[in-house]
Protein backbone atom coordinates (compact mmCIF):
# COMPACT_ATOMS: atom_id res chain seq x y z
CA MET A 1 -158.16 -90.00 -61.10
CA LEU A 2 -160.44 -86.95 -60.86
CA HIS A 3 -162.67 -86.65 -57.82
CA VAL A 4 -166.36 -86.87 -58.68
CA ILE A 5 -167.90 -83.45 -58.15
CA THR A 6 -171.62 -82.79 -58.47
CA LYS A 7 -172.92 -80.75 -61.44
CA LEU A 8 -173.14 -77.00 -60.92
CA VAL A 9 -176.67 -75.72 -61.36
CA LEU A 10 -177.31 -72.02 -60.74
CA ALA A 11 -180.97 -72.29 -59.81
CA PRO A 12 -183.25 -69.24 -59.44
CA ALA A 13 -183.04 -68.84 -55.69
CA LEU A 14 -182.54 -65.76 -53.56
CA ALA A 15 -179.19 -67.00 -52.22
CA LEU A 16 -177.44 -69.86 -54.00
CA THR A 17 -175.62 -72.60 -52.11
CA VAL A 18 -174.08 -75.04 -54.58
CA THR A 19 -171.29 -77.58 -54.37
CA GLY A 20 -169.84 -78.43 -57.74
CA ALA A 21 -167.47 -77.14 -60.36
CA VAL A 22 -164.33 -75.25 -59.50
CA LEU A 23 -162.37 -73.06 -61.92
CA ALA A 24 -158.62 -73.35 -61.32
CA VAL A 25 -156.98 -70.13 -62.50
CA GLU A 26 -153.60 -69.80 -64.14
CA VAL A 27 -152.51 -66.18 -64.70
CA ALA A 28 -151.62 -65.63 -68.36
CA PRO A 29 -148.98 -63.15 -69.62
CA ALA A 30 -151.75 -60.75 -70.61
CA GLU A 31 -153.91 -58.93 -68.10
CA ALA A 32 -156.71 -61.52 -68.38
CA ALA A 33 -156.67 -64.84 -66.53
CA VAL A 34 -156.88 -68.35 -67.98
CA ALA A 35 -159.18 -70.57 -65.96
CA THR A 36 -159.12 -74.38 -66.30
CA VAL A 37 -162.33 -76.20 -65.45
CA ARG A 38 -161.72 -79.37 -63.46
CA VAL A 39 -165.03 -81.17 -63.14
CA SER A 40 -166.44 -84.61 -63.76
CA GLY A 41 -169.65 -83.14 -65.12
CA LYS A 42 -170.78 -79.84 -66.63
CA LEU A 43 -170.37 -76.21 -65.59
CA ASN A 44 -173.14 -73.82 -66.60
CA VAL A 45 -172.05 -70.56 -68.24
CA ARG A 46 -174.69 -67.81 -68.22
CA SER A 47 -175.76 -65.05 -70.61
CA ALA A 48 -175.79 -62.47 -67.77
CA PRO A 49 -174.25 -62.37 -64.27
CA THR A 50 -177.16 -64.11 -62.51
CA GLY A 51 -178.26 -67.66 -61.94
CA TYR A 52 -181.60 -66.72 -63.49
CA SER A 53 -180.06 -65.99 -66.88
CA SER A 54 -180.19 -68.40 -69.79
CA LEU A 55 -177.45 -70.95 -70.38
CA THR A 56 -175.05 -70.14 -73.18
CA ARG A 57 -172.89 -73.24 -73.01
CA TYR A 58 -171.44 -75.94 -70.78
CA MET A 59 -167.79 -76.15 -69.75
CA ARG A 60 -166.50 -79.72 -69.64
CA ASN A 61 -163.53 -81.41 -68.02
CA ASN A 62 -160.18 -79.62 -68.36
CA GLN A 63 -161.36 -77.00 -70.81
CA LYS A 64 -159.78 -73.57 -70.50
CA ILE A 65 -161.80 -70.38 -70.32
CA THR A 66 -160.42 -66.83 -70.47
CA VAL A 67 -161.97 -64.24 -68.20
CA THR A 68 -161.31 -60.58 -68.88
CA CYS A 69 -163.12 -58.43 -66.31
CA ARG A 70 -165.58 -58.50 -63.42
CA VAL A 71 -168.95 -57.03 -62.41
CA THR A 72 -171.26 -57.17 -59.43
CA GLY A 73 -174.08 -59.61 -60.11
CA GLN A 74 -176.12 -62.16 -58.18
CA TYR A 75 -174.72 -63.15 -54.79
CA VAL A 76 -173.63 -66.79 -54.83
CA ARG A 77 -172.55 -69.13 -52.06
CA GLY A 78 -170.08 -71.31 -53.92
CA LYS A 79 -167.57 -74.03 -53.27
CA VAL A 80 -164.64 -71.58 -53.13
CA ARG A 81 -166.17 -68.41 -51.66
CA ARG A 82 -169.30 -66.35 -51.15
CA THR A 83 -169.38 -63.41 -53.50
CA ALA A 84 -171.46 -61.29 -55.85
CA GLN A 85 -168.58 -61.07 -58.36
CA TRP A 86 -169.08 -62.56 -61.81
CA ASP A 87 -166.30 -62.90 -64.38
CA ARG A 88 -166.84 -62.13 -68.04
CA THR A 89 -165.39 -64.52 -70.60
CA MET A 90 -163.83 -63.67 -73.95
CA LEU A 91 -167.13 -64.69 -75.59
CA GLY A 92 -169.09 -62.20 -73.51
CA ASP A 93 -170.88 -64.67 -71.22
CA TRP A 94 -170.38 -65.11 -67.47
CA VAL A 95 -169.17 -67.47 -64.72
CA SER A 96 -169.62 -66.93 -61.00
CA HIS A 97 -166.40 -66.04 -59.19
CA ALA A 98 -167.69 -68.17 -56.31
CA TYR A 99 -166.36 -71.18 -58.27
CA VAL A 100 -163.01 -69.72 -59.36
CA ALA A 101 -160.02 -71.16 -57.47
CA GLY A 102 -157.47 -68.45 -56.90
CA ASN A 103 -158.23 -64.76 -57.06
CA PRO A 104 -156.96 -63.12 -60.26
CA ARG A 105 -156.94 -59.32 -60.22
CA LEU A 106 -159.49 -58.64 -62.92
CA PRO A 107 -160.40 -55.07 -63.90
CA VAL A 108 -163.98 -53.88 -63.52
CA CYS A 109 -165.84 -54.32 -66.80
CA ALA A 110 -166.32 -51.05 -68.60
CA PRO A 111 -169.97 -49.98 -68.87
CA PRO A 112 -171.47 -50.54 -72.30
CA PRO A 113 -171.32 -47.58 -74.66
CA PRO A 114 -174.43 -45.41 -74.63
CA PRO A 115 -176.91 -46.15 -77.39
CA PRO A 116 -176.35 -44.12 -80.55
CA GLN A 117 -178.02 -40.75 -80.44
CA PRO A 118 -180.30 -39.67 -83.27
CA ALA A 119 -178.93 -37.26 -85.83
CA PRO A 120 -179.27 -33.64 -84.70
CA PRO A 121 -182.31 -31.83 -86.08
CA PRO A 122 -181.80 -29.20 -88.73
CA VAL A 123 -180.91 -25.75 -87.49
CA VAL A 124 -184.07 -23.79 -86.69
CA ALA A 125 -184.80 -20.51 -85.02
CA ALA A 126 -185.45 -22.08 -81.61
CA PRO A 127 -183.76 -25.15 -80.05
CA VAL A 128 -185.71 -28.38 -79.72
CA ALA A 129 -186.71 -28.85 -76.06
CA VAL A 130 -187.00 -32.14 -74.16
CA PRO A 131 -190.72 -32.97 -73.74
CA MET A 132 -192.04 -31.97 -70.32
CA GLY A 133 -194.39 -34.95 -70.03
CA PRO A 134 -194.25 -38.65 -71.05
CA ILE A 135 -195.77 -37.95 -74.51
CA ALA A 136 -192.91 -39.14 -76.73
CA LYS A 137 -190.30 -41.80 -76.11
CA LEU A 138 -187.28 -40.22 -74.42
CA THR A 139 -183.73 -41.27 -75.07
CA PRO A 140 -182.18 -43.25 -72.20
CA VAL A 141 -180.12 -40.21 -71.18
CA GLN A 142 -183.21 -37.98 -71.13
CA PHE A 143 -185.32 -40.55 -69.28
CA LEU A 144 -182.75 -41.16 -66.54
CA ALA A 145 -182.06 -37.45 -66.10
CA LYS A 146 -185.77 -36.75 -65.78
CA TYR A 147 -186.88 -39.61 -63.53
CA GLY A 148 -183.68 -40.62 -61.72
CA PRO A 149 -184.32 -38.09 -58.93
CA SER A 150 -187.82 -39.52 -58.35
CA ALA A 151 -186.37 -43.02 -58.00
CA GLN A 152 -183.73 -41.76 -55.58
CA GLN A 153 -186.35 -39.99 -53.47
CA SER A 154 -188.33 -43.22 -53.38
CA GLN A 155 -185.23 -45.03 -52.07
CA ARG A 156 -184.81 -42.44 -49.31
CA ASP A 157 -188.49 -42.76 -48.34
CA THR A 158 -188.98 -46.52 -48.67
CA GLY A 159 -185.63 -48.30 -49.03
CA VAL A 160 -186.40 -49.61 -52.53
CA PRO A 161 -183.12 -49.38 -54.53
CA ALA A 162 -183.33 -46.62 -57.12
CA SER A 163 -181.75 -48.96 -59.66
CA VAL A 164 -184.67 -51.41 -59.29
CA THR A 165 -187.25 -48.62 -59.46
CA LEU A 166 -185.72 -47.24 -62.66
CA ALA A 167 -185.42 -50.67 -64.28
CA GLN A 168 -189.07 -51.40 -63.54
CA ALA A 169 -190.15 -48.00 -64.87
CA ILE A 170 -188.14 -48.54 -68.06
CA LEU A 171 -189.49 -52.04 -68.62
CA GLU A 172 -193.11 -51.33 -67.72
CA SER A 173 -193.42 -48.00 -69.55
CA GLY A 174 -191.16 -48.56 -72.58
CA TRP A 175 -188.98 -45.62 -71.58
CA GLY A 176 -192.12 -43.56 -70.89
CA SER A 177 -193.74 -44.15 -74.29
CA SER A 178 -196.52 -46.64 -73.48
CA GLY A 179 -200.09 -45.48 -73.80
CA LEU A 180 -200.72 -46.15 -70.11
CA THR A 181 -197.78 -43.93 -69.19
CA ALA A 182 -198.38 -41.24 -71.81
CA GLN A 183 -202.06 -40.82 -70.95
CA HIS A 184 -202.17 -41.71 -67.27
CA ASN A 185 -198.59 -41.33 -65.87
CA ASN A 186 -198.59 -44.97 -64.79
CA PHE A 187 -194.92 -46.02 -65.05
CA PHE A 188 -195.15 -49.37 -63.23
CA GLY A 189 -198.29 -51.11 -64.43
CA MET A 190 -199.92 -50.56 -61.03
CA LYS A 191 -203.44 -52.01 -61.10
CA CYS A 192 -206.72 -51.05 -59.49
CA PHE A 193 -208.35 -53.77 -57.42
CA ASN A 194 -212.10 -53.63 -56.81
CA ASN A 195 -212.04 -50.26 -58.59
CA ASN A 196 -209.90 -48.83 -55.76
CA PRO A 197 -207.07 -46.56 -57.00
CA GLY A 198 -205.35 -46.39 -53.61
CA SER A 199 -203.90 -43.35 -51.85
CA TYR A 200 -201.84 -41.76 -54.63
CA ALA A 201 -203.72 -42.45 -57.89
CA SER A 202 -206.57 -40.29 -59.15
CA GLY A 203 -208.66 -43.02 -60.78
CA CYS A 204 -208.75 -46.26 -62.76
CA ALA A 205 -208.80 -47.07 -66.49
CA SER A 206 -209.08 -50.31 -68.48
CA TRP A 207 -206.15 -51.21 -70.72
CA ALA A 208 -205.10 -54.18 -72.84
CA THR A 209 -202.23 -56.14 -71.31
CA THR A 210 -200.55 -59.56 -71.33
CA GLU A 211 -200.71 -62.02 -68.44
CA CYS A 212 -198.79 -65.27 -67.99
CA ALA A 213 -199.76 -68.42 -66.09
CA ALA A 214 -198.02 -71.80 -66.00
CA GLY A 215 -195.54 -70.52 -68.58
CA VAL A 216 -198.26 -69.51 -71.08
CA CYS A 217 -198.85 -65.82 -71.86
CA TYR A 218 -202.10 -64.47 -73.29
CA PRO A 219 -203.72 -61.07 -74.05
CA THR A 220 -206.34 -59.73 -71.67
CA THR A 221 -207.77 -56.49 -70.24
CA ALA A 222 -207.14 -55.15 -66.74
CA SER A 223 -207.92 -52.06 -64.66
CA PHE A 224 -204.88 -49.81 -64.10
CA ARG A 225 -204.31 -46.79 -61.86
CA THR A 226 -204.17 -43.27 -63.30
CA TYR A 227 -202.01 -40.52 -61.76
CA PRO A 228 -201.96 -36.73 -61.96
CA GLY A 229 -198.17 -36.81 -62.49
CA ALA A 230 -195.06 -38.99 -62.55
CA ALA A 231 -194.16 -38.16 -58.93
CA GLU A 232 -197.35 -39.81 -57.66
CA SER A 233 -196.66 -42.93 -59.72
CA PHE A 234 -193.13 -43.33 -58.33
CA ARG A 235 -194.35 -42.68 -54.78
CA ASP A 236 -197.18 -45.23 -55.08
CA HIS A 237 -194.79 -47.86 -56.44
CA GLY A 238 -192.29 -47.46 -53.58
CA MET A 239 -194.95 -47.46 -50.87
CA ALA A 240 -196.61 -50.57 -52.34
CA LEU A 241 -193.36 -52.52 -52.17
CA LYS A 242 -192.69 -51.25 -48.65
CA THR A 243 -196.12 -51.97 -47.16
CA LEU A 244 -197.38 -55.15 -48.87
CA ALA A 245 -196.42 -58.23 -46.87
CA ARG A 246 -195.61 -60.35 -49.92
CA TYR A 247 -192.68 -58.07 -50.76
CA ALA A 248 -191.23 -58.01 -47.23
CA PRO A 249 -188.49 -60.60 -48.03
CA ALA A 250 -187.06 -58.23 -50.65
CA PHE A 251 -186.05 -55.73 -47.96
CA GLN A 252 -183.35 -58.14 -46.72
CA TYR A 253 -181.52 -57.14 -49.93
CA THR A 254 -181.73 -53.34 -50.03
CA ASN A 255 -177.94 -53.30 -50.63
CA ASN A 256 -178.16 -55.93 -53.38
CA PRO A 257 -180.46 -54.64 -56.17
CA ASN A 258 -180.33 -57.85 -58.22
CA GLN A 259 -181.51 -59.94 -55.29
CA PHE A 260 -184.11 -57.30 -54.41
CA ALA A 261 -185.52 -57.52 -57.94
CA ALA A 262 -185.66 -61.32 -57.74
CA ALA A 263 -187.54 -61.20 -54.42
CA VAL A 264 -190.05 -58.67 -55.78
CA HIS A 265 -190.67 -60.94 -58.77
CA LYS A 266 -191.10 -63.94 -56.48
CA GLY A 267 -193.54 -61.89 -54.39
CA GLY A 268 -195.86 -61.70 -57.39
CA TYR A 269 -195.15 -58.28 -58.92
CA ALA A 270 -195.22 -59.69 -62.47
CA THR A 271 -196.34 -62.95 -64.08
CA ASP A 272 -193.66 -62.91 -66.78
CA PRO A 273 -191.29 -65.81 -65.92
CA LEU A 274 -188.35 -63.81 -67.34
CA TYR A 275 -189.13 -60.65 -65.35
CA THR A 276 -186.06 -60.90 -63.08
CA ASP A 277 -183.77 -61.55 -66.06
CA LYS A 278 -185.14 -58.50 -67.84
CA LEU A 279 -184.75 -56.19 -64.84
CA VAL A 280 -181.19 -57.30 -64.09
CA GLY A 281 -180.29 -57.00 -67.77
CA ILE A 282 -181.52 -53.41 -67.85
CA MET A 283 -179.70 -52.52 -64.62
CA ILE A 284 -176.43 -53.88 -65.97
CA LYS A 285 -176.76 -52.47 -69.51
CA TYR A 286 -177.43 -48.91 -68.33
CA ASN A 287 -175.42 -49.12 -65.07
CA LEU A 288 -178.46 -48.09 -63.05
CA TYR A 289 -176.59 -48.97 -59.83
CA GLN A 290 -174.98 -45.53 -60.02
CA TYR A 291 -178.34 -44.00 -59.02
CA ASP A 292 -178.57 -45.92 -55.74
CA VAL A 293 -178.20 -43.74 -52.66
CA ALA A 294 -176.67 -44.63 -49.33
């Protein structure tokens, strides 16, 4: 008779402590591992390697699941171990390694292929240069090459992981193409309060935006900071996270960017209930962790 084990629920918390499902691993002839779920309930499988991500399916009693590789995701305190490792299944979704009995030697998941590059322009007399300012949408490679150093400098100055800074800049600015960024160098949606631009911005401007409350999002207008250049925007962002008391809990996780992002969201940086999911998804998709400095 199977022991009754409580249902595994990966709730959106900064550190998860859950008793529940355990994956018992049998090593298959191939390099992957076959994991058998032994639960008297349901095991949540996630769309990304965090407990904040949407459910893709439930694993029931004695089903087998094949895991192929591993990544670093949300830190989980599980029944078997405490770890930030998540295992990718053959279907492309994820289970926390904190609930995998045994320790199969999984390879690190290969980073996703870079997005397809546009066709080269026709041959002209002079080569096409990368725009010097955020006027047109840059490719991911161009954006990260241009603003990665600013994010890394912010990490040296403030402790904010460069991967989080870059993910927020990408999400908030649309890879540098939003009107707020193009016209005012505001990469992070930093607002003016009481018409005060703060220490690094040069002024304030009203822009249309979307706010969310109680799970309902609606269009509105807000006052945003304007900057003389991108460097001031990145500096203002890092110093705001470092000095505002509501973000202080995030700095327990300077070596865990996913947890840092979750704590910043919880501190009130954005009203979008999916903000953490979106940031972590961007960090994983573009392997922004490679920009973090020691």
